Protein backbone atom coordinates (compact mmCIF):
# COMPACT_ATOMS: atom_id res chain seq x y z
CA MET A 1 -4.01 18.68 17.80
CA ALA A 2 -4.24 16.32 14.82
CA VAL A 3 -3.37 12.75 15.78
CA LEU A 4 -0.46 12.55 13.30
CA GLU A 5 0.87 16.07 13.73
CA ASN A 6 4.68 16.17 13.38
CA LYS A 7 4.71 12.67 11.87
CA ALA A 8 6.58 12.04 8.61
CA ALA A 9 5.01 9.55 6.21
CA VAL A 10 5.93 7.86 2.93
CA VAL A 11 3.24 6.25 0.76
CA THR A 12 4.13 4.28 -2.35
CA GLY A 13 1.79 4.42 -5.33
CA GLY A 14 -0.13 7.37 -3.95
CA SER A 15 -1.63 9.18 -6.93
CA ARG A 16 -4.77 7.13 -7.56
CA GLY A 17 -7.20 4.67 -6.00
CA ILE A 18 -6.44 3.31 -2.55
CA GLY A 19 -3.07 5.06 -2.42
CA ARG A 20 -4.66 8.44 -3.06
CA ALA A 21 -7.22 7.86 -0.30
CA ILE A 22 -4.41 6.93 2.10
CA VAL A 23 -2.43 10.07 1.28
CA GLU A 24 -5.54 12.22 1.76
CA ARG A 25 -6.36 10.59 5.09
CA LEU A 26 -2.83 10.80 6.52
CA ALA A 27 -2.59 14.45 5.47
CA ARG A 28 -5.97 15.17 7.04
CA ASP A 29 -4.73 13.57 10.25
CA GLY A 30 -1.79 15.99 10.28
CA ALA A 31 1.08 13.96 8.80
CA ARG A 32 3.58 15.39 6.35
CA VAL A 33 3.46 13.03 3.37
CA VAL A 34 5.71 12.15 0.45
CA PHE A 35 4.27 9.77 -2.13
CA ASN A 36 5.55 8.37 -5.38
CA TYR A 37 3.78 7.74 -8.64
CA ALA A 38 4.91 6.23 -11.93
CA ARG A 39 2.99 8.00 -14.70
CA SER A 40 -0.04 10.04 -13.64
CA ASP A 41 1.39 13.58 -13.53
CA GLU A 42 -2.03 15.22 -13.62
CA ALA A 43 -3.48 12.99 -10.90
CA ALA A 44 -0.43 13.52 -8.67
CA ALA A 45 -0.53 17.30 -9.08
CA GLU A 46 -4.25 17.36 -8.34
CA LEU A 47 -3.71 15.35 -5.16
CA VAL A 48 -0.97 17.69 -3.95
CA ARG A 49 -3.29 20.67 -4.52
CA GLU A 50 -6.32 19.13 -2.87
CA ALA A 51 -4.87 17.14 0.03
CA GLY A 52 -3.88 20.18 2.04
CA GLY A 53 -0.97 20.34 4.44
CA ASP A 54 2.54 19.29 3.51
CA VAL A 55 2.19 16.74 0.68
CA ARG A 56 4.83 16.18 -1.97
CA ALA A 57 4.81 13.96 -5.05
CA VAL A 58 7.88 12.21 -6.48
CA ARG A 59 7.76 10.66 -9.94
CA LEU A 60 9.55 7.31 -9.67
CA ASP A 61 8.69 3.99 -11.25
CA LEU A 62 9.34 1.33 -8.63
CA ALA A 63 9.88 -1.24 -11.38
CA GLU A 64 13.21 0.48 -12.10
CA ARG A 65 16.30 -0.64 -10.24
CA GLY A 66 17.23 1.76 -7.44
CA ALA A 67 13.92 3.66 -7.52
CA ALA A 68 12.74 2.50 -4.09
CA GLN A 69 15.95 3.63 -2.44
CA ARG A 70 15.80 6.98 -4.24
CA LEU A 71 12.25 7.46 -3.03
CA MET A 72 13.20 6.89 0.59
CA GLU A 73 16.23 9.15 0.37
CA THR A 74 14.25 11.90 -1.36
CA ALA A 75 11.48 11.63 1.21
CA GLU A 76 13.87 11.93 4.12
CA GLU A 77 15.56 14.94 2.55
CA HIS A 78 12.18 16.66 2.52
CA LEU A 79 10.70 15.29 5.74
CA GLY A 80 13.85 15.11 7.85
CA ALA A 81 12.63 11.94 9.53
CA LEU A 82 10.51 8.84 8.98
CA ASP A 83 7.64 7.74 11.22
CA ILE A 84 5.19 6.03 8.84
CA LEU A 85 5.69 3.84 5.78
CA VAL A 86 2.74 2.58 3.74
CA ASN A 87 3.60 0.19 0.91
CA ASN A 88 0.63 0.49 -1.40
CA ALA A 89 2.17 0.42 -4.89
CA ALA A 90 1.38 -2.67 -6.92
CA LEU A 91 1.56 -3.71 -10.54
CA SER A 92 -1.59 -5.47 -11.60
CA PHE A 93 -2.65 -6.91 -14.94
CA SER A 94 -5.54 -8.62 -16.67
CA PRO A 95 -5.93 -12.20 -15.42
CA THR A 96 -3.49 -14.41 -17.32
CA PRO A 97 -3.11 -18.20 -17.02
CA LEU A 98 0.28 -19.36 -15.82
CA ALA A 99 0.88 -21.15 -19.11
CA ASP A 100 0.54 -17.84 -20.96
CA THR A 101 2.57 -15.71 -18.55
CA ASP A 102 5.98 -14.64 -19.79
CA GLU A 103 9.08 -14.25 -17.66
CA GLU A 104 9.34 -10.50 -18.23
CA LEU A 105 5.94 -9.96 -16.61
CA PHE A 106 7.07 -12.06 -13.65
CA HIS A 107 10.09 -9.82 -13.10
CA GLN A 108 8.03 -6.62 -13.49
CA VAL A 109 5.39 -7.72 -11.01
CA MET A 110 7.91 -8.87 -8.44
CA ALA A 111 9.96 -5.69 -8.80
CA VAL A 112 7.03 -3.46 -7.88
CA ASN A 113 4.98 -5.68 -5.59
CA LEU A 114 7.75 -7.38 -3.63
CA THR A 115 11.25 -6.00 -4.18
CA SER A 116 10.21 -2.40 -3.56
CA VAL A 117 8.51 -3.46 -0.33
CA PHE A 118 11.64 -5.27 0.83
CA LEU A 119 13.82 -2.25 0.04
CA THR A 120 11.57 0.32 1.73
CA ILE A 121 11.19 -1.83 4.83
CA ARG A 122 14.94 -2.35 4.94
CA HIS A 123 15.42 1.41 4.78
CA ALA A 124 12.84 1.91 7.51
CA ALA A 125 14.57 -0.69 9.71
CA ARG A 126 17.71 1.44 9.51
CA HIS A 127 16.24 4.93 9.68
CA MET A 128 12.68 4.98 11.08
CA ARG A 129 12.25 6.63 14.46
CA ASP A 130 11.33 4.38 17.37
CA GLY A 131 7.58 3.98 17.74
CA GLY A 132 7.02 4.14 13.98
CA ARG A 133 4.41 2.38 11.86
CA ILE A 134 4.74 0.23 8.75
CA VAL A 135 1.67 -0.93 6.83
CA ASN A 136 1.92 -3.15 3.76
CA LEU A 137 -1.02 -3.64 1.40
CA SER A 138 -1.77 -7.20 0.30
CA THR A 139 -4.96 -8.74 -1.14
CA VAL A 140 -7.79 -11.05 -0.23
CA ASN A 141 -6.60 -13.27 -3.09
CA THR A 142 -3.83 -14.77 -0.96
CA VAL A 143 -6.60 -16.69 0.81
CA ARG A 144 -9.18 -16.59 -1.98
CA PRO A 145 -7.23 -17.63 -5.07
CA VAL A 146 -8.78 -17.35 -8.50
CA PRO A 147 -7.41 -18.37 -11.91
CA GLY A 148 -5.17 -15.94 -13.73
CA ILE A 149 -3.63 -14.02 -10.84
CA ALA A 150 -0.81 -16.33 -9.76
CA LEU A 151 1.92 -13.69 -10.01
CA TYR A 152 -0.09 -11.07 -8.15
CA ALA A 153 -1.13 -13.42 -5.36
CA ALA A 154 2.37 -14.87 -5.03
CA SER A 155 3.96 -11.43 -4.74
CA LYS A 156 1.47 -10.39 -2.08
CA GLY A 157 1.87 -13.66 -0.17
CA ALA A 158 5.57 -12.91 0.08
CA VAL A 159 4.78 -9.40 1.34
CA GLU A 160 2.70 -10.93 4.12
CA GLN A 161 5.71 -12.97 5.22
CA LEU A 162 7.99 -9.93 5.13
CA THR A 163 5.47 -8.22 7.38
CA ALA A 164 5.42 -11.04 9.90
CA VAL A 165 9.21 -11.22 10.20
CA ALA A 166 9.74 -7.44 10.25
CA ALA A 167 7.24 -7.15 13.08
CA GLN A 168 9.36 -9.52 15.17
CA GLU A 169 12.59 -7.73 14.37
CA LEU A 170 11.36 -4.16 14.86
CA GLY A 171 9.03 -4.75 17.80
CA PRO A 172 11.69 -4.06 20.44
CA ARG A 173 11.89 -0.50 19.09
CA GLY A 174 8.15 0.00 19.37
CA ILE A 175 7.70 -0.11 15.59
CA THR A 176 4.55 -1.91 14.50
CA VAL A 177 4.36 -3.74 11.17
CA ASN A 178 1.03 -4.90 9.79
CA THR A 179 -0.64 -5.99 6.58
CA VAL A 180 -3.97 -4.72 5.29
CA SER A 181 -5.61 -7.00 2.72
CA PRO A 182 -8.42 -5.32 0.78
CA GLY A 183 -11.17 -7.22 -0.93
CA ALA A 184 -12.70 -6.07 -4.20
CA THR A 185 -12.30 -2.30 -4.00
CA ASP A 186 -13.84 0.09 -6.50
CA THR A 187 -10.86 1.68 -8.23
CA ASP A 188 -9.98 2.45 -11.84
CA LEU A 189 -7.48 -0.40 -11.68
CA LEU A 190 -10.13 -2.92 -10.63
CA ARG A 191 -12.48 -1.80 -13.38
CA ASP A 192 -9.74 -1.78 -16.00
CA THR A 193 -8.70 -5.37 -15.29
CA ASN A 194 -12.08 -7.02 -14.66
CA PRO A 195 -15.32 -7.26 -16.65
CA ALA A 196 -18.44 -5.65 -15.21
CA ASP A 197 -20.07 -8.99 -14.42
CA ALA A 198 -17.08 -9.99 -12.29
CA LEU A 199 -17.50 -6.84 -10.21
CA GLU A 200 -21.20 -7.55 -9.77
CA THR A 201 -20.37 -11.07 -8.63
CA ALA A 202 -17.78 -9.79 -6.15
CA ALA A 203 -20.30 -7.38 -4.64
CA ALA A 204 -22.92 -10.13 -4.40
CA LEU A 205 -20.47 -12.46 -2.63
CA THR A 206 -19.52 -9.78 -0.10
CA PRO A 207 -21.70 -9.93 3.02
CA LEU A 208 -21.99 -6.13 3.05
CA ARG A 209 -23.26 -6.39 -0.56
CA ARG A 210 -21.07 -3.78 -2.20
CA LEU A 211 -17.57 -3.22 -3.46
CA GLY A 212 -15.16 -1.61 -1.08
CA ARG A 213 -14.31 2.07 -1.40
CA PRO A 214 -10.74 3.41 -1.25
CA SER A 215 -11.72 5.34 1.86
CA ASP A 216 -12.71 2.07 3.57
CA ILE A 217 -9.12 0.88 3.25
CA ALA A 218 -7.60 4.25 4.11
CA ASP A 219 -9.53 4.30 7.37
CA VAL A 220 -8.01 0.97 8.41
CA VAL A 221 -4.52 2.24 7.53
CA ALA A 222 -5.19 5.41 9.51
CA PHE A 223 -6.14 3.37 12.56
CA LEU A 224 -2.95 1.30 12.36
CA THR A 225 -0.72 4.36 11.88
CA GLY A 226 -2.41 6.37 14.61
CA PRO A 227 -2.03 6.20 18.39
CA GLU A 228 -4.86 3.67 18.80
CA GLY A 229 -2.91 1.14 16.73
CA ARG A 230 0.04 1.02 19.11
CA TRP A 231 -0.69 -2.52 20.40
CA ILE A 232 -1.38 -4.15 17.05
CA THR A 233 1.51 -5.67 15.15
CA ALA A 234 2.29 -8.75 13.02
CA GLN A 235 -1.36 -8.86 11.93
CA ASN A 236 -3.06 -9.24 8.57
CA ILE A 237 -6.28 -7.24 8.70
CA ARG A 238 -8.67 -8.31 5.97
CA ALA A 239 -10.61 -5.20 4.99
CA THR A 240 -12.95 -7.07 2.68
CA GLY A 241 -16.50 -6.42 3.81
CA GLY A 242 -16.53 -10.06 4.89
CA LEU A 243 -15.58 -11.51 1.50
CA ALA A 244 -13.04 -13.88 3.09
């Protein structure tokens, strides 16, 4: 029997990169999965075809008011229950100094990276079955700050605090809540927002001497959502190859 058979999972931002790898891994482990995506119709459809099992895509932009709640309600209509929540969706952008950052970008980043996480965790606190798993994706940059990413790092720092408090509140029900903080991971998003020399530098600074792969992060999430992760909660696991 697959380790996640009969488990119902929601993954935010699941069509590409790390999110896609997480959806693929959870489905391979037997979970029924609903994931959202904002724009990539072709990528989402391809994932549904290739993941196998019961995987469904929902087009919802988490920057829009009410989208996170609609996602959770839609997922539960399909799944009939909720056992696993993985908050992966994040709005990133080319590094921008604080002095040049406008207020609209602040609100967009916080809506996706923080508000949607708050709303999905709140829903899970009310509806997740006892013994469930919540995993929130953060970033190594909350402990390794670099110029130009203040909004991104701040949003993820807040997610780490939501994780810590939710773990205390939901622990009595056997629900674990953890953060996974990737280092530099080789995705289209990373390559679109960073010059090639920055990626080479990141790989050189990583003790394992390479960029992370989406599957590296998905494997950590799979451990936390599976039976072996039952005694781990309120933790921030830095899946960075030793970068920080």
